[in-house]
Amino acid sequence: MLSNSCRYGIRALIYIASQPKESGKTGIRKIAKDLDLPTPFLAKILQQLAKQKILNSSKGPHGGFSLLKDPKKITLIDIVKTIDGDGIFTNCIIHNRTCKSVDQLQYPCAVHDEFSILRKDLISLFSSRTIHDLVVRVADTEKVVI
């Protein structure tokens, strides 16, 4: 459902948000190593998030990434739209166009009605869940892994 890029971005944001404030920026190599993710791929993802003013990025020997926004204000929908776009929230799962255009043409796909309900639930979940919520959840249980 979500791309690897998007899932890696969410994991990295949870990781960065869970770092002590006094530690400042977290280096890309540390993030990649601790999350067992490929460094160059993760760097591109985090740069996307920096361009959208979700992360702060600095280069150099003491560079790295830190949150630019309050983790209570970074929703999953912000991250998904930044990395994957909004297709998961708008596109038909069978046709190559938005469900709105399919509705207007009166040719919905075979699962249109059922998926419309799921899409609304997905939008609601992703709009209401923040990075802060996920950090708290990870900290509260040993069963959740980032």
N, C-alpha and C. Protein backbone atom coordinates (compact mmCIF):
# COMPACT_ATOMS: atom_id res chain seq x y z
N MET A 1 0.83 -1.19 0.00
CA MET A 1 0.00 0.00 0.00
C MET A 1 0.88 1.25 0.00
N LEU A 2 1.80 1.37 0.95
CA LEU A 2 2.74 2.48 0.96
C LEU A 2 4.05 1.99 0.35
N SER A 3 4.75 2.88 -0.30
CA SER A 3 6.04 2.52 -0.88
C SER A 3 7.07 2.29 0.23
N ASN A 4 8.16 1.61 -0.13
CA ASN A 4 9.25 1.46 0.82
C ASN A 4 9.78 2.83 1.24
N SER A 5 9.85 3.75 0.30
CA SER A 5 10.33 5.11 0.62
C SER A 5 9.48 5.73 1.73
N CYS A 6 8.20 5.59 1.61
CA CYS A 6 7.29 6.18 2.59
C CYS A 6 7.43 5.49 3.95
N ARG A 7 7.47 4.20 3.93
CA ARG A 7 7.63 3.47 5.20
C ARG A 7 8.96 3.79 5.87
N TYR A 8 10.03 3.89 5.08
CA TYR A 8 11.34 4.25 5.62
C TYR A 8 11.31 5.66 6.19
N GLY A 9 10.64 6.57 5.49
CA GLY A 9 10.53 7.95 5.96
C GLY A 9 9.80 8.04 7.29
N ILE A 10 8.73 7.30 7.43
CA ILE A 10 7.97 7.29 8.69
C ILE A 10 8.84 6.73 9.81
N ARG A 11 9.51 5.62 9.53
CA ARG A 11 10.39 5.02 10.55
C ARG A 11 11.49 5.99 10.97
N ALA A 12 12.09 6.65 10.00
CA ALA A 12 13.17 7.59 10.30
C ALA A 12 12.66 8.77 11.12
N LEU A 13 11.48 9.28 10.80
CA LEU A 13 10.93 10.39 11.57
C LEU A 13 10.64 9.97 13.01
N ILE A 14 10.12 8.78 13.19
CA ILE A 14 9.89 8.28 14.55
C ILE A 14 11.22 8.21 15.30
N TYR A 15 12.23 7.68 14.63
CA TYR A 15 13.56 7.55 15.23
C TYR A 15 14.12 8.92 15.60
N ILE A 16 14.09 9.85 14.68
CA ILE A 16 14.64 11.19 14.94
C ILE A 16 13.87 11.87 16.07
N ALA A 17 12.55 11.75 16.06
CA ALA A 17 11.73 12.37 17.10
C ALA A 17 11.97 11.75 18.47
N SER A 18 12.42 10.51 18.51
CA SER A 18 12.65 9.84 19.79
C SER A 18 14.03 10.12 20.38
N GLN A 19 14.88 10.81 19.62
CA GLN A 19 16.22 11.15 20.11
C GLN A 19 16.14 12.27 21.15
N PRO A 20 17.01 12.24 22.15
CA PRO A 20 17.01 13.32 23.15
C PRO A 20 17.25 14.67 22.50
N LYS A 21 16.54 15.69 22.94
CA LYS A 21 16.64 17.04 22.36
C LYS A 21 18.08 17.57 22.42
N GLU A 22 18.76 17.29 23.52
CA GLU A 22 20.11 17.83 23.70
C GLU A 22 21.14 17.20 22.76
N SER A 23 20.78 16.10 22.11
CA SER A 23 21.72 15.46 21.19
C SER A 23 21.83 16.22 19.87
N GLY A 24 20.92 17.16 19.63
CA GLY A 24 20.98 17.95 18.40
C GLY A 24 20.59 17.15 17.19
N LYS A 25 21.41 17.23 16.17
CA LYS A 25 21.13 16.55 14.91
C LYS A 25 21.61 15.11 14.97
N THR A 26 20.89 14.25 14.23
CA THR A 26 21.26 12.84 14.15
C THR A 26 21.79 12.57 12.75
N GLY A 27 22.97 12.00 12.66
CA GLY A 27 23.60 11.74 11.38
C GLY A 27 22.90 10.65 10.59
N ILE A 28 22.97 10.78 9.28
CA ILE A 28 22.31 9.83 8.38
C ILE A 28 22.85 8.42 8.57
N ARG A 29 24.15 8.27 8.78
CA ARG A 29 24.73 6.93 8.94
C ARG A 29 24.19 6.25 10.19
N LYS A 30 24.05 7.02 11.27
CA LYS A 30 23.52 6.45 12.52
C LYS A 30 22.06 6.01 12.33
N ILE A 31 21.27 6.86 11.70
CA ILE A 31 19.86 6.53 11.47
C ILE A 31 19.77 5.26 10.63
N ALA A 32 20.51 5.24 9.51
CA ALA A 32 20.47 4.09 8.60
C ALA A 32 20.95 2.82 9.30
N LYS A 33 22.01 2.92 10.07
CA LYS A 33 22.55 1.74 10.76
C LYS A 33 21.55 1.21 11.80
N ASP A 34 21.04 2.12 12.64
CA ASP A 34 20.13 1.70 13.71
C ASP A 34 18.81 1.15 13.18
N LEU A 35 18.37 1.64 12.02
CA LEU A 35 17.11 1.16 11.44
C LEU A 35 17.33 0.08 10.37
N ASP A 36 18.60 -0.23 10.11
CA ASP A 36 18.98 -1.23 9.10
C ASP A 36 18.38 -0.88 7.74
N LEU A 37 18.66 0.37 7.31
CA LEU A 37 18.16 0.87 6.03
C LEU A 37 19.35 1.30 5.18
N PRO A 38 19.22 1.24 3.85
CA PRO A 38 20.31 1.68 2.98
C PRO A 38 20.53 3.20 3.06
N THR A 39 21.75 3.59 3.37
CA THR A 39 22.07 5.00 3.61
C THR A 39 21.73 5.93 2.44
N PRO A 40 22.19 5.64 1.20
CA PRO A 40 21.89 6.59 0.11
C PRO A 40 20.39 6.75 -0.16
N PHE A 41 19.66 5.65 -0.08
CA PHE A 41 18.21 5.68 -0.30
C PHE A 41 17.53 6.50 0.79
N LEU A 42 17.93 6.27 2.04
CA LEU A 42 17.35 7.01 3.15
C LEU A 42 17.68 8.50 3.06
N ALA A 43 18.89 8.82 2.64
CA ALA A 43 19.29 10.23 2.50
C ALA A 43 18.38 10.97 1.53
N LYS A 44 18.03 10.34 0.42
CA LYS A 44 17.14 10.97 -0.56
C LYS A 44 15.75 11.20 0.04
N ILE A 45 15.28 10.23 0.79
CA ILE A 45 13.96 10.36 1.43
C ILE A 45 13.96 11.51 2.43
N LEU A 46 15.00 11.56 3.26
CA LEU A 46 15.06 12.60 4.28
C LEU A 46 15.25 13.99 3.65
N GLN A 47 15.91 14.05 2.52
CA GLN A 47 16.03 15.34 1.82
C GLN A 47 14.67 15.81 1.31
N GLN A 48 13.84 14.87 0.86
CA GLN A 48 12.47 15.24 0.45
C GLN A 48 11.72 15.86 1.63
N LEU A 49 11.86 15.24 2.79
CA LEU A 49 11.17 15.75 3.98
C LEU A 49 11.75 17.10 4.41
N ALA A 50 13.04 17.31 4.19
CA ALA A 50 13.65 18.60 4.51
C ALA A 50 13.14 19.68 3.55
N LYS A 51 12.98 19.34 2.28
CA LYS A 51 12.47 20.31 1.30
C LYS A 51 11.06 20.76 1.65
N GLN A 52 10.30 19.88 2.29
CA GLN A 52 8.93 20.21 2.66
C GLN A 52 8.83 20.80 4.07
N LYS A 53 9.98 21.16 4.62
CA LYS A 53 10.06 21.83 5.93
C LYS A 53 9.55 20.97 7.09
N ILE A 54 9.71 19.66 6.95
CA ILE A 54 9.38 18.75 8.05
C ILE A 54 10.65 18.47 8.86
N LEU A 55 11.77 18.35 8.16
CA LEU A 55 13.07 18.13 8.79
C LEU A 55 14.00 19.29 8.53
N ASN A 56 14.96 19.44 9.43
CA ASN A 56 16.06 20.37 9.22
C ASN A 56 17.27 19.52 8.87
N SER A 57 18.01 19.93 7.86
CA SER A 57 19.16 19.18 7.39
C SER A 57 20.38 20.09 7.36
N SER A 58 21.50 19.57 7.85
CA SER A 58 22.74 20.32 7.74
C SER A 58 23.86 19.37 7.34
N LYS A 59 24.76 19.88 6.52
CA LYS A 59 25.87 19.07 6.02
C LYS A 59 27.09 19.27 6.90
N GLY A 60 28.08 18.42 6.68
CA GLY A 60 29.35 18.57 7.38
C GLY A 60 29.55 17.53 8.44
N PRO A 61 30.70 17.56 9.09
CA PRO A 61 31.05 16.53 10.07
C PRO A 61 30.11 16.47 11.27
N HIS A 62 29.51 17.59 11.60
CA HIS A 62 28.56 17.60 12.73
C HIS A 62 27.13 17.81 12.24
N GLY A 63 26.91 17.50 10.98
CA GLY A 63 25.59 17.69 10.38
C GLY A 63 24.67 16.52 10.69
N GLY A 64 23.54 16.58 10.09
CA GLY A 64 22.55 15.53 10.29
C GLY A 64 21.15 16.09 10.14
N PHE A 65 20.22 15.39 10.75
CA PHE A 65 18.81 15.74 10.62
C PHE A 65 18.18 15.94 12.00
N SER A 66 17.27 16.88 12.06
CA SER A 66 16.45 17.09 13.24
C SER A 66 15.07 17.53 12.76
N LEU A 67 14.10 17.41 13.64
CA LEU A 67 12.75 17.83 13.27
C LEU A 67 12.68 19.35 13.19
N LEU A 68 12.07 19.84 12.16
CA LEU A 68 11.86 21.27 12.00
C LEU A 68 10.49 21.65 12.56
N LYS A 69 9.57 20.70 12.49
CA LYS A 69 8.21 20.91 12.99
C LYS A 69 8.03 20.13 14.29
N ASP A 70 7.10 20.57 15.08
CA ASP A 70 6.72 19.87 16.30
C ASP A 70 6.16 18.50 15.91
N PRO A 71 6.65 17.40 16.54
CA PRO A 71 6.15 16.07 16.17
C PRO A 71 4.65 15.90 16.38
N LYS A 72 4.05 16.75 17.20
CA LYS A 72 2.59 16.70 17.40
C LYS A 72 1.85 17.28 16.21
N LYS A 73 2.59 17.97 15.32
CA LYS A 73 1.97 18.61 14.16
C LYS A 73 2.33 17.92 12.85
N ILE A 74 3.12 16.85 12.93
CA ILE A 74 3.48 16.10 11.72
C ILE A 74 2.58 14.87 11.65
N THR A 75 1.64 14.89 10.73
CA THR A 75 0.72 13.76 10.59
C THR A 75 1.24 12.76 9.56
N LEU A 76 0.73 11.56 9.64
CA LEU A 76 1.10 10.56 8.64
C LEU A 76 0.69 10.99 7.24
N ILE A 77 -0.42 11.68 7.13
CA ILE A 77 -0.86 12.12 5.81
C ILE A 77 0.13 13.13 5.21
N ASP A 78 0.74 13.97 6.06
CA ASP A 78 1.77 14.90 5.59
C ASP A 78 2.94 14.13 4.97
N ILE A 79 3.35 13.09 5.64
CA ILE A 79 4.51 12.30 5.19
C ILE A 79 4.17 11.54 3.92
N VAL A 80 3.02 10.89 3.90
CA VAL A 80 2.62 10.12 2.72
C VAL A 80 2.51 11.03 1.50
N LYS A 81 1.87 12.17 1.66
CA LYS A 81 1.71 13.09 0.53
C LYS A 81 3.06 13.62 0.06
N THR A 82 3.98 13.86 0.97
CA THR A 82 5.31 14.35 0.62
C THR A 82 6.09 13.31 -0.17
N ILE A 83 6.05 12.08 0.27
CA ILE A 83 6.89 11.04 -0.33
C ILE A 83 6.20 10.31 -1.47
N ASP A 84 4.97 9.88 -1.26
CA ASP A 84 4.26 9.07 -2.27
C ASP A 84 3.25 9.86 -3.09
N GLY A 85 2.93 11.07 -2.66
CA GLY A 85 1.87 11.82 -3.31
C GLY A 85 0.52 11.43 -2.70
N ASP A 86 -0.54 11.96 -3.26
CA ASP A 86 -1.86 11.69 -2.67
C ASP A 86 -2.66 10.62 -3.40
N GLY A 87 -2.03 9.90 -4.31
CA GLY A 87 -2.71 8.88 -5.10
C GLY A 87 -3.45 7.84 -4.27
N ILE A 88 -2.87 7.43 -3.17
CA ILE A 88 -3.52 6.42 -2.33
C ILE A 88 -4.85 6.93 -1.79
N PHE A 89 -4.97 8.25 -1.69
CA PHE A 89 -6.19 8.86 -1.14
C PHE A 89 -7.18 9.29 -2.22
N THR A 90 -6.75 9.26 -3.48
CA THR A 90 -7.62 9.76 -4.55
C THR A 90 -7.83 8.79 -5.70
N ASN A 91 -6.86 7.93 -5.98
CA ASN A 91 -6.93 7.10 -7.18
C ASN A 91 -7.74 5.82 -6.99
N CYS A 92 -8.34 5.41 -8.07
CA CYS A 92 -9.03 4.13 -8.15
C CYS A 92 -7.96 3.04 -8.05
N ILE A 93 -8.29 1.93 -7.45
CA ILE A 93 -7.28 0.87 -7.32
C ILE A 93 -7.19 0.01 -8.58
N ILE A 94 -8.09 0.21 -9.52
CA ILE A 94 -8.06 -0.57 -10.77
C ILE A 94 -7.78 0.32 -11.97
N HIS A 95 -8.50 1.45 -12.08
CA HIS A 95 -8.33 2.36 -13.21
C HIS A 95 -7.12 3.27 -13.00
N ASN A 96 -6.63 3.88 -14.08
CA ASN A 96 -5.50 4.80 -14.01
C ASN A 96 -5.96 6.25 -13.91
N ARG A 97 -6.88 6.51 -13.04
CA ARG A 97 -7.35 7.87 -12.82
C ARG A 97 -7.97 7.98 -11.43
N THR A 98 -8.31 9.20 -11.06
CA THR A 98 -8.88 9.40 -9.74
C THR A 98 -10.29 8.81 -9.70
N CYS A 99 -10.69 8.44 -8.51
CA CYS A 99 -12.05 7.92 -8.36
C CYS A 99 -13.08 8.99 -8.69
N LYS A 100 -12.74 10.26 -8.46
CA LYS A 100 -13.66 11.35 -8.79
C LYS A 100 -13.95 11.35 -10.29
N SER A 101 -12.92 11.17 -11.11
CA SER A 101 -13.14 11.16 -12.56
C SER A 101 -13.92 9.91 -12.98
N VAL A 102 -13.69 8.81 -12.28
CA VAL A 102 -14.45 7.58 -12.57
C VAL A 102 -15.91 7.80 -12.20
N ASP A 103 -16.15 8.44 -11.06
CA ASP A 103 -17.53 8.74 -10.64
C ASP A 103 -18.25 9.59 -11.68
N GLN A 104 -17.55 10.61 -12.20
CA GLN A 104 -18.16 11.51 -13.17
C GLN A 104 -18.49 10.81 -14.49
N LEU A 105 -17.69 9.80 -14.83
CA LEU A 105 -17.94 9.06 -16.06
C LEU A 105 -18.99 7.95 -15.88
N GLN A 106 -19.38 7.74 -14.64
CA GLN A 106 -20.38 6.71 -14.31
C GLN A 106 -19.89 5.29 -14.57
N TYR A 107 -18.58 5.07 -14.52
CA TYR A 107 -18.02 3.74 -14.71
C TYR A 107 -17.12 3.36 -13.54
N PRO A 108 -17.70 3.19 -12.38
CA PRO A 108 -16.85 2.81 -11.24
C PRO A 108 -16.32 1.39 -11.40
N CYS A 109 -15.19 1.14 -10.74
CA CYS A 109 -14.60 -0.20 -10.82
C CYS A 109 -15.41 -1.17 -9.94
N ALA A 110 -15.05 -2.41 -10.01
CA ALA A 110 -15.79 -3.47 -9.32
C ALA A 110 -15.73 -3.37 -7.80
N VAL A 111 -14.72 -2.67 -7.25
CA VAL A 111 -14.61 -2.54 -5.79
C VAL A 111 -14.73 -1.09 -5.33
N HIS A 112 -15.26 -0.23 -6.19
CA HIS A 112 -15.32 1.20 -5.92
C HIS A 112 -16.01 1.52 -4.59
N ASP A 113 -17.19 1.01 -4.39
CA ASP A 113 -17.95 1.35 -3.19
C ASP A 113 -17.25 0.90 -1.92
N GLU A 114 -16.73 -0.32 -1.92
CA GLU A 114 -16.04 -0.84 -0.74
C GLU A 114 -14.75 -0.06 -0.47
N PHE A 115 -14.00 0.23 -1.55
CA PHE A 115 -12.74 0.94 -1.38
C PHE A 115 -12.97 2.40 -0.96
N SER A 116 -14.06 2.99 -1.38
CA SER A 116 -14.37 4.36 -0.97
C SER A 116 -14.51 4.45 0.55
N ILE A 117 -15.13 3.46 1.14
CA ILE A 117 -15.28 3.42 2.60
C ILE A 117 -13.91 3.27 3.26
N LEU A 118 -13.10 2.35 2.75
CA LEU A 118 -11.76 2.14 3.30
C LEU A 118 -10.90 3.40 3.14
N ARG A 119 -11.03 4.06 2.00
CA ARG A 119 -10.25 5.27 1.74
C ARG A 119 -10.59 6.34 2.77
N LYS A 120 -11.87 6.53 3.06
CA LYS A 120 -12.27 7.52 4.06
C LYS A 120 -11.68 7.19 5.42
N ASP A 121 -11.70 5.92 5.78
CA ASP A 121 -11.11 5.49 7.05
C ASP A 121 -9.60 5.72 7.06
N LEU A 122 -8.95 5.45 5.94
CA LEU A 122 -7.51 5.63 5.82
C LEU A 122 -7.15 7.12 5.94
N ILE A 123 -7.90 7.97 5.27
CA ILE A 123 -7.67 9.41 5.37
C ILE A 123 -7.85 9.88 6.81
N SER A 124 -8.88 9.39 7.45
CA SER A 124 -9.13 9.76 8.85
C SER A 124 -7.98 9.31 9.76
N LEU A 125 -7.55 8.08 9.60
CA LEU A 125 -6.45 7.56 10.42
C LEU A 125 -5.17 8.35 10.17
N PHE A 126 -4.79 8.51 8.91
CA PHE A 126 -3.53 9.18 8.56
C PHE A 126 -3.56 10.66 8.92
N SER A 127 -4.73 11.28 8.91
CA SER A 127 -4.85 12.69 9.26
C SER A 127 -4.79 12.92 10.77
N SER A 128 -5.19 11.92 11.53
CA SER A 128 -5.25 12.09 12.99
C SER A 128 -4.03 11.55 13.72
N ARG A 129 -3.26 10.69 13.10
CA ARG A 129 -2.09 10.09 13.77
C ARG A 129 -0.85 10.92 13.48
N THR A 130 -0.15 11.30 14.56
CA THR A 130 1.05 12.13 14.42
C THR A 130 2.31 11.34 14.75
N ILE A 131 3.44 11.93 14.39
CA ILE A 131 4.72 11.31 14.74
C ILE A 131 4.84 11.21 16.26
N HIS A 132 4.38 12.21 16.97
CA HIS A 132 4.40 12.17 18.44
C HIS A 132 3.62 10.96 18.95
N ASP A 133 2.44 10.72 18.39
CA ASP A 133 1.63 9.56 18.81
C ASP A 133 2.42 8.26 18.64
N LEU A 134 3.12 8.16 17.53
CA LEU A 134 3.86 6.94 17.24
C LEU A 134 5.08 6.79 18.13
N VAL A 135 5.74 7.89 18.45
CA VAL A 135 6.88 7.85 19.37
C VAL A 135 6.42 7.37 20.74
N VAL A 136 5.30 7.91 21.21
CA VAL A 136 4.75 7.50 22.51
C VAL A 136 4.40 6.01 22.48
N ARG A 137 3.80 5.58 21.42
CA ARG A 137 3.40 4.17 21.31
C ARG A 137 4.62 3.24 21.31
N VAL A 138 5.66 3.64 20.59
CA VAL A 138 6.88 2.84 20.55
C VAL A 138 7.50 2.78 21.95
N ALA A 139 7.50 3.90 22.65
CA ALA A 139 8.09 3.97 23.99
C ALA A 139 7.29 3.17 25.02
N ASP A 140 5.98 3.07 24.79
CA ASP A 140 5.10 2.41 25.76
C ASP A 140 5.09 0.89 25.66
N THR A 141 5.60 0.34 24.60
CA THR A 141 5.53 -1.11 24.45
C THR A 141 6.78 -1.67 23.82
N GLU A 142 7.12 -2.84 24.21
CA GLU A 142 8.27 -3.52 23.62
C GLU A 142 7.87 -4.25 22.33
N LYS A 143 6.60 -4.37 22.09
CA LYS A 143 6.13 -5.13 20.93
C LYS A 143 6.15 -4.32 19.64
N VAL A 144 6.23 -2.99 19.73
CA VAL A 144 6.24 -2.16 18.53
C VAL A 144 7.69 -1.89 18.16
N VAL A 145 8.01 -2.17 16.92
CA VAL A 145 9.37 -1.99 16.43
C VAL A 145 9.34 -0.96 15.31
N ILE A 146 10.33 -0.06 15.31
CA ILE A 146 10.39 0.92 14.22
C ILE A 146 11.36 0.49 13.15
